[in-house]
Amino acid sequence: MKTFNTYLTEAEDKVKAAEQKARVAIDGFLAKIEACKTPEGVTELEKFYKTRVKEVDITDAEDIQIRDALAGRKQELSSDDVAEPEEF
């Protein structure tokens, strides 16, 4: 039979575990950024990232890597929209 103190300690451990943010791998999200085909799609990924980053635990370096990937992909796609004159 558990003592009351053991029960409280286990309950506190469960609460602490639930409060900790989940640790995630960013490789899948970076792949989604690369697979994005439109600037609007990148904008949607940015919105998702801004809400999701509050729920998970990532390092500062990973945060910078994701933000740079989003900005770079958006710039890449917007430069593709600018039509270059065709030479005949």
N, C-alpha and C. Protein backbone atom coordinates (compact mmCIF):
# COMPACT_ATOMS: atom_id res chain seq x y z
N MET A 1 0.84 -1.16 0.00
CA MET A 1 0.00 0.00 0.00
C MET A 1 0.89 1.24 0.00
N LYS A 2 0.51 2.23 -0.78
CA LYS A 2 1.28 3.47 -0.88
C LYS A 2 0.95 4.38 0.29
N THR A 3 2.00 5.08 0.70
CA THR A 3 1.75 6.09 1.73
C THR A 3 1.22 7.35 1.05
N PHE A 4 0.67 8.22 1.84
CA PHE A 4 0.12 9.46 1.30
C PHE A 4 1.22 10.31 0.67
N ASN A 5 2.39 10.37 1.29
CA ASN A 5 3.51 11.15 0.75
C ASN A 5 3.98 10.60 -0.60
N THR A 6 4.00 9.28 -0.74
CA THR A 6 4.38 8.66 -2.01
C THR A 6 3.37 9.01 -3.08
N TYR A 7 2.11 8.97 -2.73
CA TYR A 7 1.04 9.33 -3.66
C TYR A 7 1.20 10.77 -4.13
N LEU A 8 1.47 11.70 -3.21
CA LEU A 8 1.65 13.11 -3.57
C LEU A 8 2.87 13.31 -4.46
N THR A 9 3.95 12.62 -4.14
CA THR A 9 5.16 12.74 -4.95
C THR A 9 4.91 12.25 -6.37
N GLU A 10 4.25 11.13 -6.52
CA GLU A 10 3.93 10.61 -7.85
C GLU A 10 3.00 11.56 -8.60
N ALA A 11 2.05 12.14 -7.93
CA ALA A 11 1.13 13.09 -8.56
C ALA A 11 1.88 14.34 -9.03
N GLU A 12 2.81 14.84 -8.22
CA GLU A 12 3.60 16.00 -8.61
C GLU A 12 4.47 15.69 -9.82
N ASP A 13 5.04 14.49 -9.87
CA ASP A 13 5.86 14.08 -11.00
C ASP A 13 5.04 14.04 -12.28
N LYS A 14 3.81 13.55 -12.18
CA LYS A 14 2.93 13.49 -13.36
C LYS A 14 2.57 14.89 -13.84
N VAL A 15 2.33 15.80 -12.92
CA VAL A 15 1.99 17.18 -13.29
C VAL A 15 3.19 17.85 -13.95
N LYS A 16 4.37 17.66 -13.40
CA LYS A 16 5.58 18.25 -13.97
C LYS A 16 5.83 17.69 -15.37
N ALA A 17 5.64 16.42 -15.56
CA ALA A 17 5.84 15.80 -16.87
C ALA A 17 4.84 16.35 -17.89
N ALA A 18 3.63 16.59 -17.46
CA ALA A 18 2.61 17.12 -18.36
C ALA A 18 2.88 18.58 -18.72
N GLU A 19 3.51 19.32 -17.82
CA GLU A 19 3.79 20.74 -18.07
C GLU A 19 4.98 20.94 -19.00
N GLN A 20 5.88 19.98 -19.07
CA GLN A 20 7.04 20.11 -19.93
C GLN A 20 6.62 20.07 -21.39
N LYS A 21 7.28 20.90 -22.19
CA LYS A 21 6.99 20.93 -23.61
C LYS A 21 7.61 19.71 -24.28
N ALA A 22 6.95 19.27 -25.30
CA ALA A 22 7.44 18.12 -26.05
C ALA A 22 8.66 18.52 -26.87
N ARG A 23 9.62 17.64 -26.96
CA ARG A 23 10.81 17.85 -27.76
C ARG A 23 10.54 17.27 -29.14
N VAL A 24 10.77 18.05 -30.18
CA VAL A 24 10.46 17.60 -31.53
C VAL A 24 11.68 17.67 -32.44
N ALA A 25 11.65 16.89 -33.49
CA ALA A 25 12.67 16.95 -34.54
C ALA A 25 12.15 17.87 -35.63
N ILE A 26 13.01 18.71 -36.16
CA ILE A 26 12.57 19.70 -37.13
C ILE A 26 12.75 19.26 -38.57
N ASP A 27 13.34 18.10 -38.79
CA ASP A 27 13.62 17.65 -40.15
C ASP A 27 12.35 17.53 -40.99
N GLY A 28 11.30 17.02 -40.42
CA GLY A 28 10.05 16.88 -41.16
C GLY A 28 9.46 18.22 -41.57
N PHE A 29 9.55 19.20 -40.67
CA PHE A 29 9.01 20.52 -40.99
C PHE A 29 9.86 21.20 -42.06
N LEU A 30 11.18 21.03 -41.99
CA LEU A 30 12.05 21.60 -43.02
C LEU A 30 11.75 20.97 -44.38
N ALA A 31 11.42 19.70 -44.39
CA ALA A 31 11.05 19.04 -45.64
C ALA A 31 9.75 19.61 -46.19
N LYS A 32 8.81 19.93 -45.31
CA LYS A 32 7.55 20.54 -45.76
C LYS A 32 7.80 21.92 -46.35
N ILE A 33 8.71 22.66 -45.75
CA ILE A 33 9.05 23.99 -46.29
C ILE A 33 9.62 23.84 -47.69
N GLU A 34 10.54 22.91 -47.86
CA GLU A 34 11.16 22.70 -49.17
C GLU A 34 10.16 22.21 -50.21
N ALA A 35 9.17 21.45 -49.79
CA ALA A 35 8.18 20.91 -50.72
C ALA A 35 7.11 21.93 -51.09
N CYS A 36 7.07 23.04 -50.39
CA CYS A 36 6.05 24.06 -50.64
C CYS A 36 6.24 24.67 -52.02
N LYS A 37 5.15 24.83 -52.76
CA LYS A 37 5.23 25.29 -54.15
C LYS A 37 4.75 26.72 -54.37
N THR A 38 4.09 27.34 -53.38
CA THR A 38 3.56 28.69 -53.56
C THR A 38 3.93 29.57 -52.37
N PRO A 39 4.03 30.88 -52.59
CA PRO A 39 4.29 31.79 -51.47
C PRO A 39 3.17 31.75 -50.42
N GLU A 40 1.95 31.52 -50.87
CA GLU A 40 0.83 31.42 -49.94
C GLU A 40 0.99 30.20 -49.03
N GLY A 41 1.51 29.13 -49.60
CA GLY A 41 1.75 27.93 -48.80
C GLY A 41 2.81 28.17 -47.74
N VAL A 42 3.85 28.92 -48.08
CA VAL A 42 4.88 29.26 -47.11
C VAL A 42 4.30 30.13 -46.01
N THR A 43 3.42 31.05 -46.38
CA THR A 43 2.76 31.91 -45.39
C THR A 43 1.94 31.07 -44.42
N GLU A 44 1.25 30.07 -44.93
CA GLU A 44 0.47 29.17 -44.07
C GLU A 44 1.39 28.39 -43.13
N LEU A 45 2.53 27.95 -43.63
CA LEU A 45 3.48 27.24 -42.78
C LEU A 45 4.03 28.16 -41.70
N GLU A 46 4.25 29.44 -42.04
CA GLU A 46 4.71 30.41 -41.04
C GLU A 46 3.69 30.57 -39.93
N LYS A 47 2.42 30.68 -40.30
CA LYS A 47 1.35 30.80 -39.30
C LYS A 47 1.33 29.57 -38.40
N PHE A 48 1.42 28.40 -39.00
CA PHE A 48 1.44 27.16 -38.23
C PHE A 48 2.64 27.14 -37.30
N TYR A 49 3.80 27.53 -37.80
CA TYR A 49 5.02 27.51 -36.99
C TYR A 49 4.90 28.44 -35.79
N LYS A 50 4.36 29.62 -36.00
CA LYS A 50 4.24 30.59 -34.91
C LYS A 50 3.35 30.08 -33.78
N THR A 51 2.33 29.32 -34.10
CA THR A 51 1.48 28.76 -33.04
C THR A 51 2.10 27.51 -32.44
N ARG A 52 2.71 26.69 -33.26
CA ARG A 52 3.28 25.42 -32.78
C ARG A 52 4.53 25.63 -31.92
N VAL A 53 5.31 26.65 -32.22
CA VAL A 53 6.57 26.87 -31.48
C VAL A 53 6.30 27.16 -30.00
N LYS A 54 5.12 27.63 -29.70
CA LYS A 54 4.75 27.91 -28.31
C LYS A 54 4.45 26.62 -27.55
N GLU A 55 4.13 25.55 -28.27
CA GLU A 55 3.71 24.30 -27.65
C GLU A 55 4.85 23.29 -27.51
N VAL A 56 5.93 23.47 -28.25
CA VAL A 56 7.01 22.49 -28.26
C VAL A 56 8.32 23.13 -27.83
N ASP A 57 9.29 22.29 -27.56
CA ASP A 57 10.60 22.75 -27.11
C ASP A 57 11.61 22.57 -28.24
N ILE A 58 12.13 23.69 -28.77
CA ILE A 58 13.19 23.63 -29.76
C ILE A 58 14.29 24.58 -29.33
N THR A 59 15.48 24.32 -29.81
CA THR A 59 16.61 25.17 -29.45
C THR A 59 16.56 26.46 -30.26
N ASP A 60 17.35 27.43 -29.82
CA ASP A 60 17.43 28.70 -30.55
C ASP A 60 17.98 28.49 -31.95
N ALA A 61 18.96 27.61 -32.08
CA ALA A 61 19.54 27.33 -33.39
C ALA A 61 18.51 26.73 -34.34
N GLU A 62 17.67 25.84 -33.82
CA GLU A 62 16.62 25.24 -34.65
C GLU A 62 15.58 26.28 -35.05
N ASP A 63 15.26 27.17 -34.12
CA ASP A 63 14.32 28.25 -34.41
C ASP A 63 14.84 29.12 -35.54
N ILE A 64 16.10 29.50 -35.46
CA ILE A 64 16.71 30.33 -36.50
C ILE A 64 16.73 29.59 -37.82
N GLN A 65 17.06 28.31 -37.78
CA GLN A 65 17.11 27.50 -39.00
C GLN A 65 15.74 27.45 -39.68
N ILE A 66 14.69 27.27 -38.91
CA ILE A 66 13.35 27.22 -39.48
C ILE A 66 12.94 28.57 -40.04
N ARG A 67 13.18 29.65 -39.28
CA ARG A 67 12.80 30.97 -39.77
C ARG A 67 13.57 31.35 -41.03
N ASP A 68 14.86 30.99 -41.08
CA ASP A 68 15.65 31.25 -42.29
C ASP A 68 15.14 30.44 -43.47
N ALA A 69 14.78 29.19 -43.23
CA ALA A 69 14.25 28.35 -44.31
C ALA A 69 12.94 28.91 -44.84
N LEU A 70 12.07 29.37 -43.95
CA LEU A 70 10.81 29.97 -44.39
C LEU A 70 11.04 31.23 -45.22
N ALA A 71 11.91 32.10 -44.72
CA ALA A 71 12.20 33.35 -45.45
C ALA A 71 12.87 33.05 -46.79
N GLY A 72 13.81 32.12 -46.80
CA GLY A 72 14.50 31.78 -48.04
C GLY A 72 13.57 31.17 -49.07
N ARG A 73 12.70 30.30 -48.62
CA ARG A 73 11.76 29.66 -49.55
C ARG A 73 10.76 30.67 -50.10
N LYS A 74 10.31 31.57 -49.23
CA LYS A 74 9.38 32.60 -49.69
C LYS A 74 10.05 33.49 -50.73
N GLN A 75 11.30 33.86 -50.49
CA GLN A 75 12.03 34.70 -51.44
C GLN A 75 12.28 33.94 -52.75
N GLU A 76 12.62 32.68 -52.64
CA GLU A 76 12.85 31.86 -53.82
C GLU A 76 11.59 31.76 -54.67
N LEU A 77 10.46 31.54 -54.03
CA LEU A 77 9.21 31.41 -54.78
C LEU A 77 8.76 32.75 -55.36
N SER A 78 8.98 33.83 -54.64
CA SER A 78 8.56 35.13 -55.16
C SER A 78 9.46 35.57 -56.31
N SER A 79 10.73 35.17 -56.31
CA SER A 79 11.61 35.52 -57.42
C SER A 79 11.25 34.70 -58.66
N ASP A 80 10.68 33.51 -58.47
CA ASP A 80 10.22 32.71 -59.60
C ASP A 80 9.01 33.34 -60.27
N ASP A 81 8.22 34.10 -59.49
CA ASP A 81 7.03 34.76 -60.04
C ASP A 81 7.40 35.89 -60.99
N VAL A 82 8.55 36.50 -60.78
CA VAL A 82 8.98 37.60 -61.65
C VAL A 82 9.43 36.98 -62.96
N ALA A 83 8.70 37.29 -63.99
CA ALA A 83 8.97 36.69 -65.30
C ALA A 83 10.20 37.34 -65.92
N GLU A 84 11.10 36.51 -66.37
CA GLU A 84 12.26 37.03 -67.07
C GLU A 84 11.92 37.09 -68.55
N PRO A 85 12.40 38.14 -69.22
CA PRO A 85 12.09 38.24 -70.66
C PRO A 85 12.73 37.07 -71.41
N GLU A 86 11.95 36.50 -72.29
CA GLU A 86 12.45 35.38 -73.08
C GLU A 86 13.19 35.91 -74.29
N GLU A 87 14.29 35.26 -74.59
CA GLU A 87 15.08 35.66 -75.76
C GLU A 87 14.72 34.74 -76.92
N PHE A 88 14.57 35.34 -78.07
CA PHE A 88 14.24 34.55 -79.27
C PHE A 88 15.41 34.50 -80.20
